N, C-alpha and C. Protein backbone atom coordinates (compact mmCIF):
# COMPACT_ATOMS: atom_id res chain seq x y z
N UNK A 1 -14.69 42.86 -87.32
CA UNK A 1 -16.10 42.96 -86.96
C UNK A 1 -16.74 41.60 -87.17
N UNK A 2 -17.61 41.23 -86.26
CA UNK A 2 -18.30 39.96 -86.33
C UNK A 2 -19.40 40.01 -87.38
N UNK A 3 -19.83 38.83 -87.78
CA UNK A 3 -20.93 38.78 -88.73
C UNK A 3 -22.10 38.02 -88.11
N UNK A 4 -23.29 38.31 -88.60
CA UNK A 4 -24.49 37.65 -88.10
C UNK A 4 -24.46 36.20 -88.57
N UNK A 5 -24.76 35.28 -87.65
CA UNK A 5 -24.76 33.86 -87.96
C UNK A 5 -26.18 33.31 -87.83
N UNK A 6 -26.45 32.27 -88.59
CA UNK A 6 -27.78 31.65 -88.59
C UNK A 6 -27.66 30.25 -88.01
N UNK A 7 -28.61 29.90 -87.13
CA UNK A 7 -28.61 28.58 -86.54
C UNK A 7 -30.03 28.00 -86.66
N UNK A 8 -30.11 26.71 -87.03
CA UNK A 8 -31.39 26.00 -87.08
C UNK A 8 -31.35 24.91 -86.03
N UNK A 9 -32.46 24.79 -85.29
CA UNK A 9 -32.54 23.75 -84.27
C UNK A 9 -33.34 22.57 -84.82
N UNK A 10 -33.40 21.49 -84.06
CA UNK A 10 -34.11 20.29 -84.48
C UNK A 10 -35.59 20.49 -84.74
N UNK A 11 -36.20 21.45 -84.05
CA UNK A 11 -37.64 21.70 -84.25
C UNK A 11 -37.89 22.76 -85.32
N UNK A 12 -36.90 23.02 -86.16
CA UNK A 12 -36.96 23.98 -87.28
C UNK A 12 -36.97 25.44 -86.85
N UNK A 13 -36.66 25.72 -85.57
CA UNK A 13 -36.54 27.10 -85.13
C UNK A 13 -35.29 27.70 -85.77
N UNK A 14 -35.41 28.94 -86.25
CA UNK A 14 -34.28 29.64 -86.88
C UNK A 14 -33.90 30.81 -85.98
N UNK A 15 -32.61 30.91 -85.67
CA UNK A 15 -32.09 31.98 -84.81
C UNK A 15 -30.94 32.67 -85.52
N UNK A 16 -31.00 33.99 -85.59
CA UNK A 16 -29.89 34.79 -86.10
C UNK A 16 -29.24 35.46 -84.91
N UNK A 17 -27.92 35.42 -84.84
CA UNK A 17 -27.25 36.00 -83.68
C UNK A 17 -25.92 36.64 -84.07
N UNK A 18 -25.50 37.57 -83.22
CA UNK A 18 -24.26 38.30 -83.39
C UNK A 18 -23.61 38.40 -82.01
N UNK A 19 -22.39 37.93 -81.89
CA UNK A 19 -21.66 37.97 -80.61
C UNK A 19 -22.48 37.37 -79.46
N UNK A 20 -23.18 36.25 -79.73
CA UNK A 20 -23.92 35.56 -78.71
C UNK A 20 -25.27 36.15 -78.36
N UNK A 21 -25.70 37.20 -79.07
CA UNK A 21 -26.99 37.85 -78.80
C UNK A 21 -27.85 37.76 -80.06
N UNK A 22 -29.16 37.54 -79.87
CA UNK A 22 -30.04 37.51 -81.03
C UNK A 22 -30.04 38.88 -81.70
N UNK A 23 -29.87 38.85 -83.02
CA UNK A 23 -29.72 40.11 -83.77
C UNK A 23 -29.93 39.85 -85.25
N UNK A 24 -30.67 40.74 -85.91
CA UNK A 24 -30.80 40.65 -87.36
C UNK A 24 -31.39 41.94 -87.91
N UNK A 25 -30.64 42.65 -88.76
CA UNK A 25 -31.14 43.86 -89.41
C UNK A 25 -32.01 43.51 -90.62
N UNK A 26 -31.88 42.28 -91.13
CA UNK A 26 -32.57 41.90 -92.36
C UNK A 26 -33.99 41.38 -92.14
N UNK A 27 -34.33 41.02 -90.92
CA UNK A 27 -35.65 40.47 -90.63
C UNK A 27 -35.69 39.97 -89.20
N UNK A 28 -36.64 39.07 -88.92
CA UNK A 28 -36.74 38.57 -87.54
C UNK A 28 -35.50 37.78 -87.14
N UNK A 29 -35.12 37.88 -85.88
CA UNK A 29 -33.96 37.15 -85.37
C UNK A 29 -34.35 35.80 -84.81
N UNK A 30 -35.63 35.61 -84.50
CA UNK A 30 -36.11 34.34 -83.97
C UNK A 30 -37.39 33.95 -84.70
N UNK A 31 -37.35 32.78 -85.32
CA UNK A 31 -38.53 32.26 -86.01
C UNK A 31 -38.81 30.89 -85.39
N UNK A 32 -39.68 30.85 -84.37
CA UNK A 32 -39.95 29.60 -83.67
C UNK A 32 -40.58 28.55 -84.59
N UNK A 33 -40.00 27.37 -84.62
CA UNK A 33 -40.48 26.23 -85.41
C UNK A 33 -40.71 26.60 -86.87
N UNK A 34 -39.96 27.58 -87.37
CA UNK A 34 -40.07 28.00 -88.76
C UNK A 34 -41.36 28.74 -89.08
N UNK A 35 -42.14 29.12 -88.07
CA UNK A 35 -43.42 29.79 -88.25
C UNK A 35 -43.21 31.31 -88.24
N UNK A 36 -43.25 31.92 -89.42
CA UNK A 36 -42.97 33.36 -89.52
C UNK A 36 -44.02 34.22 -88.81
N UNK A 37 -45.22 33.69 -88.58
CA UNK A 37 -46.23 34.46 -87.86
C UNK A 37 -45.86 34.65 -86.39
N UNK A 38 -44.99 33.78 -85.87
CA UNK A 38 -44.54 33.89 -84.48
C UNK A 38 -43.17 34.57 -84.36
N UNK A 39 -42.69 35.14 -85.46
CA UNK A 39 -41.35 35.72 -85.51
C UNK A 39 -41.17 36.83 -84.47
N UNK A 40 -39.96 36.91 -83.94
CA UNK A 40 -39.61 37.95 -82.97
C UNK A 40 -38.41 38.71 -83.50
N UNK A 41 -38.41 40.01 -83.25
CA UNK A 41 -37.37 40.90 -83.76
C UNK A 41 -36.44 41.32 -82.63
N UNK A 42 -35.15 41.17 -82.86
CA UNK A 42 -34.13 41.53 -81.87
C UNK A 42 -33.03 42.32 -82.56
N UNK A 43 -32.49 43.30 -81.85
CA UNK A 43 -31.29 44.02 -82.27
C UNK A 43 -30.35 44.04 -81.08
N UNK A 44 -29.19 43.46 -81.26
CA UNK A 44 -28.16 43.40 -80.21
C UNK A 44 -28.71 42.80 -78.91
N UNK A 45 -29.57 41.78 -79.02
CA UNK A 45 -30.11 41.09 -77.85
C UNK A 45 -31.33 41.74 -77.23
N UNK A 46 -31.79 42.86 -77.76
CA UNK A 46 -32.95 43.57 -77.20
C UNK A 46 -34.16 43.30 -78.10
N UNK A 47 -35.23 42.80 -77.48
CA UNK A 47 -36.44 42.47 -78.23
C UNK A 47 -37.21 43.74 -78.58
N UNK A 48 -37.71 43.77 -79.83
CA UNK A 48 -38.50 44.90 -80.34
C UNK A 48 -39.76 44.37 -81.00
N UNK A 49 -40.79 45.20 -81.06
CA UNK A 49 -41.94 44.86 -81.89
C UNK A 49 -41.50 45.06 -83.34
N UNK A 50 -42.28 44.55 -84.26
CA UNK A 50 -41.93 44.72 -85.68
C UNK A 50 -41.87 46.21 -86.03
N UNK A 51 -42.80 46.98 -85.49
CA UNK A 51 -42.84 48.43 -85.79
C UNK A 51 -41.59 49.13 -85.23
N UNK A 52 -41.20 48.78 -84.00
CA UNK A 52 -39.99 49.38 -83.41
C UNK A 52 -38.76 49.00 -84.23
N UNK A 53 -38.70 47.73 -84.65
CA UNK A 53 -37.57 47.25 -85.44
C UNK A 53 -37.48 47.99 -86.77
N UNK A 54 -38.64 48.18 -87.42
CA UNK A 54 -38.67 48.91 -88.70
C UNK A 54 -38.20 50.35 -88.52
N UNK A 55 -38.60 50.99 -87.42
CA UNK A 55 -38.19 52.36 -87.15
C UNK A 55 -36.68 52.44 -86.91
N UNK A 56 -36.15 51.51 -86.14
CA UNK A 56 -34.70 51.50 -85.88
C UNK A 56 -33.93 51.24 -87.16
N UNK A 57 -34.45 50.37 -88.00
CA UNK A 57 -33.79 50.05 -89.27
C UNK A 57 -33.74 51.30 -90.15
N UNK A 58 -34.83 52.09 -90.15
CA UNK A 58 -34.85 53.33 -90.93
C UNK A 58 -33.80 54.31 -90.43
N UNK A 59 -33.62 54.35 -89.10
CA UNK A 59 -32.65 55.28 -88.51
C UNK A 59 -31.22 54.95 -88.91
N UNK A 60 -30.95 53.69 -89.22
CA UNK A 60 -29.58 53.28 -89.55
C UNK A 60 -29.25 53.57 -91.00
N UNK A 61 -30.22 53.42 -91.87
CA UNK A 61 -30.00 53.63 -93.30
C UNK A 61 -30.20 55.09 -93.67
N UNK A 62 -29.61 55.49 -94.78
CA UNK A 62 -29.84 56.84 -95.26
C UNK A 62 -28.77 57.81 -94.80
N UNK A 63 -29.11 59.08 -94.82
CA UNK A 63 -28.16 60.13 -94.52
C UNK A 63 -28.12 60.46 -93.04
N UNK A 64 -26.98 60.96 -92.59
CA UNK A 64 -26.90 61.42 -91.21
C UNK A 64 -27.88 62.58 -91.00
N UNK A 65 -28.32 62.77 -89.76
CA UNK A 65 -29.34 63.79 -89.47
C UNK A 65 -28.93 65.18 -89.94
N UNK A 66 -27.62 65.49 -89.88
CA UNK A 66 -27.20 66.85 -90.21
C UNK A 66 -27.21 67.12 -91.71
N UNK A 67 -27.42 66.09 -92.54
CA UNK A 67 -27.51 66.29 -93.98
C UNK A 67 -28.96 66.28 -94.47
N UNK A 68 -29.89 66.06 -93.57
CA UNK A 68 -31.31 66.06 -93.96
C UNK A 68 -31.87 67.48 -93.85
N UNK A 69 -33.03 67.68 -94.46
CA UNK A 69 -33.66 69.01 -94.43
C UNK A 69 -33.99 69.42 -93.00
N UNK A 70 -34.47 68.48 -92.19
CA UNK A 70 -34.82 68.85 -90.82
C UNK A 70 -33.56 69.15 -89.99
N UNK A 71 -32.47 68.49 -90.28
CA UNK A 71 -31.22 68.76 -89.56
C UNK A 71 -30.68 70.13 -89.89
N UNK A 72 -30.77 70.54 -91.15
CA UNK A 72 -30.30 71.85 -91.56
C UNK A 72 -31.21 72.95 -91.00
N UNK A 73 -32.50 72.67 -90.94
CA UNK A 73 -33.45 73.65 -90.42
C UNK A 73 -33.22 73.91 -88.94
N UNK A 74 -32.75 72.91 -88.23
CA UNK A 74 -32.55 73.08 -86.79
C UNK A 74 -31.22 73.78 -86.48
N UNK A 75 -30.49 74.12 -87.51
CA UNK A 75 -29.24 74.86 -87.30
C UNK A 75 -28.06 73.97 -86.96
N UNK A 76 -28.11 72.72 -87.35
CA UNK A 76 -26.99 71.80 -87.08
C UNK A 76 -25.77 72.28 -87.87
N UNK A 77 -24.65 72.28 -87.20
CA UNK A 77 -23.42 72.69 -87.89
C UNK A 77 -22.90 71.53 -88.72
N UNK A 78 -22.38 71.86 -89.89
CA UNK A 78 -21.84 70.82 -90.79
C UNK A 78 -20.35 70.96 -90.88
């Protein structure tokens, strides 16, 4: 499995990428000129708003849906 790599350009832009696509689960994948207020969030090359990125990050961590209370209530088989 590949790992996320960090690249800095001459103008202090920071880019995190995975397999040639901007990607970062830990924070913004693009920080133009090192300015965090202009940061952009990407997962597997797809741009997201910060709110969308936070929601996707929540979906990845934690328990699978079938082990949660709402998953059991919906009759999910275990």
